[in-house]
Amino acid sequence: MMNERHLFREGQKLFRTGHPKESIGFFTEAADAGCNPVNAYLNRGAAYIAIGEFEKAIVDFHRVLRVDEDNERALYYRGIAYMKIGGFEDAVTDLTKSIELNHDRGVAFFARSIAHAELGNTEESLRDLKTAITFSNIEVEGFMNLFGNNRTLFDKYMALLEGDRGPLTIVLDDDVLAKAERWIQ
């Protein structure tokens, strides 16, 4: 019989090695065995996102936020899950609070930029894109890997970048535009 720490570590190991679906059972058992619910549900929620179970992820992030209402990671990941199911207003709300708690998570600005674009908030989208571009490529590329198979999220965003008269092409220089286009394509 494994204790909650061992179950939790096993879940983390599986998740880190590319087995998110298998990790879920270990995180569930760890929570049932008394593991810190913030850790167990935050990690299980991330695993649910990785396998495309966004509603289940949202439930887990709600659990985390009931215990720790200012958990920046839960807010960020719940915002991402909301985006994946088309809940862009909820995504903006969560990502905004995440950014308030951790102004250094550049990918949160990029995600919020996309959510704003999907809502037709061009000025807010542009502001967040400019901020996101100042952060490292590594963080944004990880985000793109998560969303790469869902092109519909980028439709409005691409429209902002396309053509000589696209709203973003008018205000962004060529280097910034090239970086944004690489992320999206």
C-alpha atoms as a PDB file:
ATOM      1  CA  MET A   1       0.000   0.000   0.000  1.00  0.00           C
ATOM      2  CA  MET A   2       1.471   3.330  -1.102  1.00  0.00           C
ATOM      3  CA  ASN A   3       1.149   6.454   1.009  1.00  0.00           C
ATOM      4  CA  GLU A   4      -0.185   9.709  -0.463  1.00  0.00           C
ATOM      5  CA  ARG A   5       3.279  11.171  -1.120  1.00  0.00           C
ATOM      6  CA  HIS A   6       4.398   8.116  -3.041  1.00  0.00           C
ATOM      7  CA  LEU A   7       1.148   8.085  -5.050  1.00  0.00           C
ATOM      8  CA  PHE A   8       1.547  11.792  -5.817  1.00  0.00           C
ATOM      9  CA  ARG A   9       5.195  11.388  -6.888  1.00  0.00           C
ATOM     10  CA  GLU A  10       4.242   8.429  -9.099  1.00  0.00           C
ATOM     11  CA  GLY A  11       1.571  10.581 -10.742  1.00  0.00           C
ATOM     12  CA  GLN A  12       4.072  13.379 -11.322  1.00  0.00           C
ATOM     13  CA  LYS A  13       6.590  10.966 -12.792  1.00  0.00           C
ATOM     14  CA  LEU A  14       4.024   9.571 -15.214  1.00  0.00           C
ATOM     15  CA  PHE A  15       2.870  13.041 -16.203  1.00  0.00           C
ATOM     16  CA  ARG A  16       6.412  14.331 -16.767  1.00  0.00           C
ATOM     17  CA  THR A  17       7.303  11.309 -18.898  1.00  0.00           C
ATOM     18  CA  GLY A  18       4.387  11.788 -21.267  1.00  0.00           C
ATOM     19  CA  HIS A  19       1.733   9.608 -19.653  1.00  0.00           C
ATOM     20  CA  PRO A  20      -0.885  12.086 -18.454  1.00  0.00           C
ATOM     21  CA  LYS A  21      -3.806   9.671 -18.737  1.00  0.00           C
ATOM     22  CA  GLU A  22      -2.055   7.135 -16.500  1.00  0.00           C
ATOM     23  CA  SER A  23      -1.098   9.848 -14.007  1.00  0.00           C
ATOM     24  CA  ILE A  24      -4.739  10.752 -13.299  1.00  0.00           C
ATOM     25  CA  GLY A  25      -5.403   7.589 -11.301  1.00  0.00           C
ATOM     26  CA  PHE A  26      -2.381   8.220  -9.099  1.00  0.00           C
ATOM     27  CA  PHE A  27      -3.392  11.834  -8.441  1.00  0.00           C
ATOM     28  CA  THR A  28      -6.911  10.651  -7.593  1.00  0.00           C
ATOM     29  CA  GLU A  29      -5.610   8.010  -5.196  1.00  0.00           C
ATOM     30  CA  ALA A  30      -3.221  10.538  -3.648  1.00  0.00           C
ATOM     31  CA  ALA A  31      -6.109  12.946  -3.006  1.00  0.00           C
ATOM     32  CA  ASP A  32      -8.226  10.154  -1.539  1.00  0.00           C
ATOM     33  CA  ALA A  33      -5.313   9.133   0.707  1.00  0.00           C
ATOM     34  CA  GLY A  34      -5.005  12.633   2.186  1.00  0.00           C
ATOM     35  CA  CYS A  35      -2.534  14.385  -0.116  1.00  0.00           C
ATOM     36  CA  ASN A  36      -2.673  18.164  -0.101  1.00  0.00           C
ATOM     37  CA  PRO A  37      -5.736  18.835  -2.299  1.00  0.00           C
ATOM     38  CA  VAL A  38      -4.108  21.850  -3.948  1.00  0.00           C
ATOM     39  CA  ASN A  39      -1.238  19.703  -5.212  1.00  0.00           C
ATOM     40  CA  ALA A  40      -3.351  16.680  -6.134  1.00  0.00           C
ATOM     41  CA  TYR A  41      -6.100  18.561  -7.993  1.00  0.00           C
ATOM     42  CA  LEU A  42      -3.773  21.072  -9.649  1.00  0.00           C
ATOM     43  CA  ASN A  43      -1.717  18.249 -11.124  1.00  0.00           C
ATOM     44  CA  ARG A  44      -4.724  16.131 -12.035  1.00  0.00           C
ATOM     45  CA  GLY A  45      -6.316  19.161 -13.711  1.00  0.00           C
ATOM     46  CA  ALA A  46      -3.168  19.680 -15.788  1.00  0.00           C
ATOM     47  CA  ALA A  47      -3.296  16.008 -16.771  1.00  0.00           C
ATOM     48  CA  TYR A  48      -6.938  16.389 -17.797  1.00  0.00           C
ATOM     49  CA  ILE A  49      -5.977  19.348 -20.008  1.00  0.00           C
ATOM     50  CA  ALA A  50      -3.227  17.264 -21.594  1.00  0.00           C
ATOM     51  CA  ILE A  51      -5.713  14.556 -22.606  1.00  0.00           C
ATOM     52  CA  GLY A  52      -8.440  16.943 -23.715  1.00  0.00           C
ATOM     53  CA  GLU A  53     -10.828  16.535 -20.759  1.00  0.00           C
ATOM     54  CA  PHE A  54     -11.316  20.273 -20.258  1.00  0.00           C
ATOM     55  CA  GLU A  55     -14.533  20.197 -18.237  1.00  0.00           C
ATOM     56  CA  LYS A  56     -12.948  17.781 -15.742  1.00  0.00           C
ATOM     57  CA  ALA A  57      -9.905  20.043 -15.582  1.00  0.00           C
ATOM     58  CA  ILE A  58     -12.105  23.029 -14.788  1.00  0.00           C
ATOM     59  CA  VAL A  59     -13.749  21.103 -11.935  1.00  0.00           C
ATOM     60  CA  ASP A  60     -10.328  20.285 -10.466  1.00  0.00           C
ATOM     61  CA  PHE A  61      -9.145  23.888 -10.727  1.00  0.00           C
ATOM     62  CA  HIS A  62     -12.348  25.010  -8.983  1.00  0.00           C
ATOM     63  CA  ARG A  63     -11.424  22.613  -6.159  1.00  0.00           C
ATOM     64  CA  VAL A  64      -7.960  24.129  -5.904  1.00  0.00           C
ATOM     65  CA  LEU A  65      -9.356  27.660  -5.870  1.00  0.00           C
ATOM     66  CA  ARG A  66     -11.854  26.828  -3.108  1.00  0.00           C
ATOM     67  CA  VAL A  67      -8.867  25.979  -0.897  1.00  0.00           C
ATOM     68  CA  ASP A  68      -6.465  28.633  -2.247  1.00  0.00           C
ATOM     69  CA  GLU A  69      -8.374  31.396  -4.047  1.00  0.00           C
ATOM     70  CA  ASP A  70      -5.160  33.104  -5.156  1.00  0.00           C
ATOM     71  CA  ASN A  71      -3.496  30.055  -6.670  1.00  0.00           C
ATOM     72  CA  GLU A  72      -2.001  31.618  -9.773  1.00  0.00           C
ATOM     73  CA  ARG A  73      -1.331  28.327 -11.528  1.00  0.00           C
ATOM     74  CA  ALA A  74      -4.925  27.118 -11.054  1.00  0.00           C
ATOM     75  CA  LEU A  75      -6.235  30.410 -12.441  1.00  0.00           C
ATOM     76  CA  TYR A  76      -3.880  30.224 -15.416  1.00  0.00           C
ATOM     77  CA  TYR A  77      -4.700  26.605 -16.230  1.00  0.00           C
ATOM     78  CA  ARG A  78      -8.435  27.088 -15.707  1.00  0.00           C
ATOM     79  CA  GLY A  79      -8.232  30.045 -18.109  1.00  0.00           C
ATOM     80  CA  ILE A  80      -6.565  27.778 -20.660  1.00  0.00           C
ATOM     81  CA  ALA A  81      -9.234  25.098 -20.148  1.00  0.00           C
ATOM     82  CA  TYR A  82     -11.968  27.702 -20.611  1.00  0.00           C
ATOM     83  CA  MET A  83     -10.329  28.777 -23.874  1.00  0.00           C
ATOM     84  CA  LYS A  84     -10.308  25.201 -25.106  1.00  0.00           C
ATOM     85  CA  ILE A  85     -14.102  24.955 -24.662  1.00  0.00           C
ATOM     86  CA  GLY A  86     -14.802  28.427 -26.068  1.00  0.00           C
ATOM     87  CA  GLY A  87     -15.376  30.182 -22.732  1.00  0.00           C
ATOM     88  CA  PHE A  88     -13.352  33.219 -23.709  1.00  0.00           C
ATOM     89  CA  GLU A  89     -14.922  35.662 -21.223  1.00  0.00           C
ATOM     90  CA  ASP A  90     -14.198  33.276 -18.336  1.00  0.00           C
ATOM     91  CA  ALA A  91     -10.714  32.766 -19.765  1.00  0.00           C
ATOM     92  CA  VAL A  92     -10.039  36.514 -19.779  1.00  0.00           C
ATOM     93  CA  THR A  93     -11.238  36.776 -16.167  1.00  0.00           C
ATOM     94  CA  ASP A  94      -9.006  33.935 -14.955  1.00  0.00           C
ATOM     95  CA  LEU A  95      -5.992  34.969 -17.007  1.00  0.00           C
ATOM     96  CA  THR A  96      -6.306  38.563 -15.775  1.00  0.00           C
ATOM     97  CA  LYS A  97      -6.250  37.445 -12.148  1.00  0.00           C
ATOM     98  CA  SER A  98      -3.358  35.075 -12.936  1.00  0.00           C
ATOM     99  CA  ILE A  99      -1.401  37.981 -14.441  1.00  0.00           C
ATOM    100  CA  GLU A 100      -2.158  40.172 -11.412  1.00  0.00           C
ATOM    101  CA  LEU A 101      -0.680  37.456  -9.192  1.00  0.00           C
ATOM    102  CA  ASN A 102       2.290  36.666 -11.452  1.00  0.00           C
ATOM    103  CA  HIS A 103       3.212  39.418 -13.877  1.00  0.00           C
ATOM    104  CA  ASP A 104       6.132  37.316 -15.144  1.00  0.00           C
ATOM    105  CA  ARG A 105       4.089  34.583 -16.865  1.00  0.00           C
ATOM    106  CA  GLY A 106       4.362  35.932 -20.399  1.00  0.00           C
ATOM    107  CA  VAL A 107       2.355  33.115 -21.896  1.00  0.00           C
ATOM    108  CA  ALA A 108      -0.656  34.262 -19.850  1.00  0.00           C
ATOM    109  CA  PHE A 109      -0.526  37.556 -21.762  1.00  0.00           C
ATOM    110  CA  PHE A 110      -0.353  35.627 -25.039  1.00  0.00           C
ATOM    111  CA  ALA A 111      -3.296  33.395 -24.065  1.00  0.00           C
ATOM    112  CA  ARG A 112      -5.327  36.408 -22.934  1.00  0.00           C
ATOM    113  CA  SER A 113      -4.447  38.136 -26.201  1.00  0.00           C
ATOM    114  CA  ILE A 114      -5.987  35.238 -28.128  1.00  0.00           C
ATOM    115  CA  ALA A 115      -9.080  35.209 -25.899  1.00  0.00           C
ATOM    116  CA  HIS A 116      -9.512  38.955 -26.444  1.00  0.00           C
ATOM    117  CA  ALA A 117      -9.148  38.454 -30.203  1.00  0.00           C
ATOM    118  CA  GLU A 118     -11.827  35.756 -30.123  1.00  0.00           C
ATOM    119  CA  LEU A 119     -14.119  38.209 -28.310  1.00  0.00           C
ATOM    120  CA  GLY A 120     -13.391  40.950 -30.855  1.00  0.00           C
ATOM    121  CA  ASN A 121     -11.435  43.075 -28.376  1.00  0.00           C
ATOM    122  CA  THR A 122      -8.729  44.147 -30.811  1.00  0.00           C
ATOM    123  CA  GLU A 123      -7.098  46.841 -28.665  1.00  0.00           C
ATOM    124  CA  GLU A 124      -6.815  44.577 -25.619  1.00  0.00           C
ATOM    125  CA  SER A 125      -5.538  41.746 -27.809  1.00  0.00           C
ATOM    126  CA  LEU A 126      -2.866  43.970 -29.299  1.00  0.00           C
ATOM    127  CA  ARG A 127      -1.783  45.264 -25.880  1.00  0.00           C
ATOM    128  CA  ASP A 128      -1.388  41.727 -24.549  1.00  0.00           C
ATOM    129  CA  LEU A 129       0.419  40.529 -27.679  1.00  0.00           C
ATOM    130  CA  LYS A 130       2.951  43.339 -27.352  1.00  0.00           C
ATOM    131  CA  THR A 131       3.537  42.386 -23.724  1.00  0.00           C
ATOM    132  CA  ALA A 132       3.796  38.665 -24.512  1.00  0.00           C
ATOM    133  CA  ILE A 133       6.384  39.286 -27.208  1.00  0.00           C
ATOM    134  CA  THR A 134       8.772  40.691 -24.610  1.00  0.00           C
ATOM    135  CA  PHE A 135       8.883  37.271 -22.908  1.00  0.00           C
ATOM    136  CA  SER A 136      10.826  34.214 -23.947  1.00  0.00           C
ATOM    137  CA  ASN A 137       9.955  32.010 -26.902  1.00  0.00           C
ATOM    138  CA  ILE A 138      10.223  28.847 -24.783  1.00  0.00           C
ATOM    139  CA  GLU A 139       7.157  29.650 -22.689  1.00  0.00           C
ATOM    140  CA  VAL A 140       5.013  30.601 -25.688  1.00  0.00           C
ATOM    141  CA  GLU A 141       6.174  27.604 -27.719  1.00  0.00           C
ATOM    142  CA  GLY A 142       4.992  25.328 -24.900  1.00  0.00           C
ATOM    143  CA  PHE A 143       1.609  27.029 -25.074  1.00  0.00           C
ATOM    144  CA  MET A 144       1.517  26.615 -28.838  1.00  0.00           C
ATOM    145  CA  ASN A 145       2.256  22.913 -28.505  1.00  0.00           C
ATOM    146  CA  LEU A 146      -0.805  22.642 -26.263  1.00  0.00           C
ATOM    147  CA  PHE A 147      -3.022  24.480 -28.754  1.00  0.00           C
ATOM    148  CA  GLY A 148      -1.414  23.507 -32.049  1.00  0.00           C
ATOM    149  CA  ASN A 149      -4.145  21.043 -32.979  1.00  0.00           C
ATOM    150  CA  ASN A 150      -6.980  23.526 -32.494  1.00  0.00           C
ATOM    151  CA  ARG A 151      -6.673  25.991 -35.358  1.00  0.00           C
ATOM    152  CA  THR A 152     -10.078  27.568 -34.777  1.00  0.00           C
ATOM    153  CA  LEU A 153      -8.740  29.439 -31.751  1.00  0.00           C
ATOM    154  CA  PHE A 154      -6.372  31.291 -34.029  1.00  0.00           C
ATOM    155  CA  ASP A 155      -8.752  32.276 -36.839  1.00  0.00           C
ATOM    156  CA  LYS A 156      -9.497  35.805 -35.614  1.00  0.00           C
ATOM    157  CA  TYR A 157      -5.952  36.171 -34.394  1.00  0.00           C
ATOM    158  CA  MET A 158      -4.553  35.356 -37.821  1.00  0.00           C
ATOM    159  CA  ALA A 159      -6.935  37.898 -39.370  1.00  0.00           C
ATOM    160  CA  LEU A 160      -5.342  40.533 -37.153  1.00  0.00           C
ATOM    161  CA  LEU A 161      -1.926  39.622 -38.554  1.00  0.00           C
ATOM    162  CA  GLU A 162      -2.741  39.002 -42.210  1.00  0.00           C
ATOM    163  CA  GLY A 163      -2.376  41.446 -45.047  1.00  0.00           C
ATOM    164  CA  ASP A 164      -0.709  44.792 -45.300  1.00  0.00           C
ATOM    165  CA  ARG A 165      -3.683  46.482 -43.638  1.00  0.00           C
ATOM    166  CA  GLY A 166      -4.349  43.941 -40.832  1.00  0.00           C
ATOM    167  CA  PRO A 167      -4.835  45.837 -37.558  1.00  0.00           C
ATOM    168  CA  LEU A 168      -1.728  44.368 -35.963  1.00  0.00           C
ATOM    169  CA  THR A 169       0.477  44.860 -39.024  1.00  0.00           C
ATOM    170  CA  ILE A 170      -0.170  48.589 -38.870  1.00  0.00           C
ATOM    171  CA  VAL A 171       1.153  49.009 -35.325  1.00  0.00           C
ATOM    172  CA  LEU A 172       3.779  46.246 -35.003  1.00  0.00           C
ATOM    173  CA  ASP A 173       7.208  46.310 -36.572  1.00  0.00           C
ATOM    174  CA  ASP A 174       8.350  43.512 -38.909  1.00  0.00           C
ATOM    175  CA  ASP A 175      10.439  41.662 -36.286  1.00  0.00           C
ATOM    176  CA  VAL A 176       7.578  41.539 -33.787  1.00  0.00           C
ATOM    177  CA  LEU A 177       5.128  40.447 -36.501  1.00  0.00           C
ATOM    178  CA  ALA A 178       7.456  37.681 -37.649  1.00  0.00           C
ATOM    179  CA  LYS A 179       7.787  36.364 -34.102  1.00  0.00           C
ATOM    180  CA  ALA A 180       4.005  36.380 -33.565  1.00  0.00           C
ATOM    181  CA  GLU A 181       3.365  34.669 -36.902  1.00  0.00           C
ATOM    182  CA  ARG A 182       5.906  31.917 -36.096  1.00  0.00           C
ATOM    183  CA  TRP A 183       4.113  31.230 -32.819  1.00  0.00           C
ATOM    184  CA  ILE A 184       0.724  30.997 -34.475  1.00  0.00           C
ATOM    185  CA  GLN A 185       1.649  28.963 -37.566  1.00  0.00           C
END
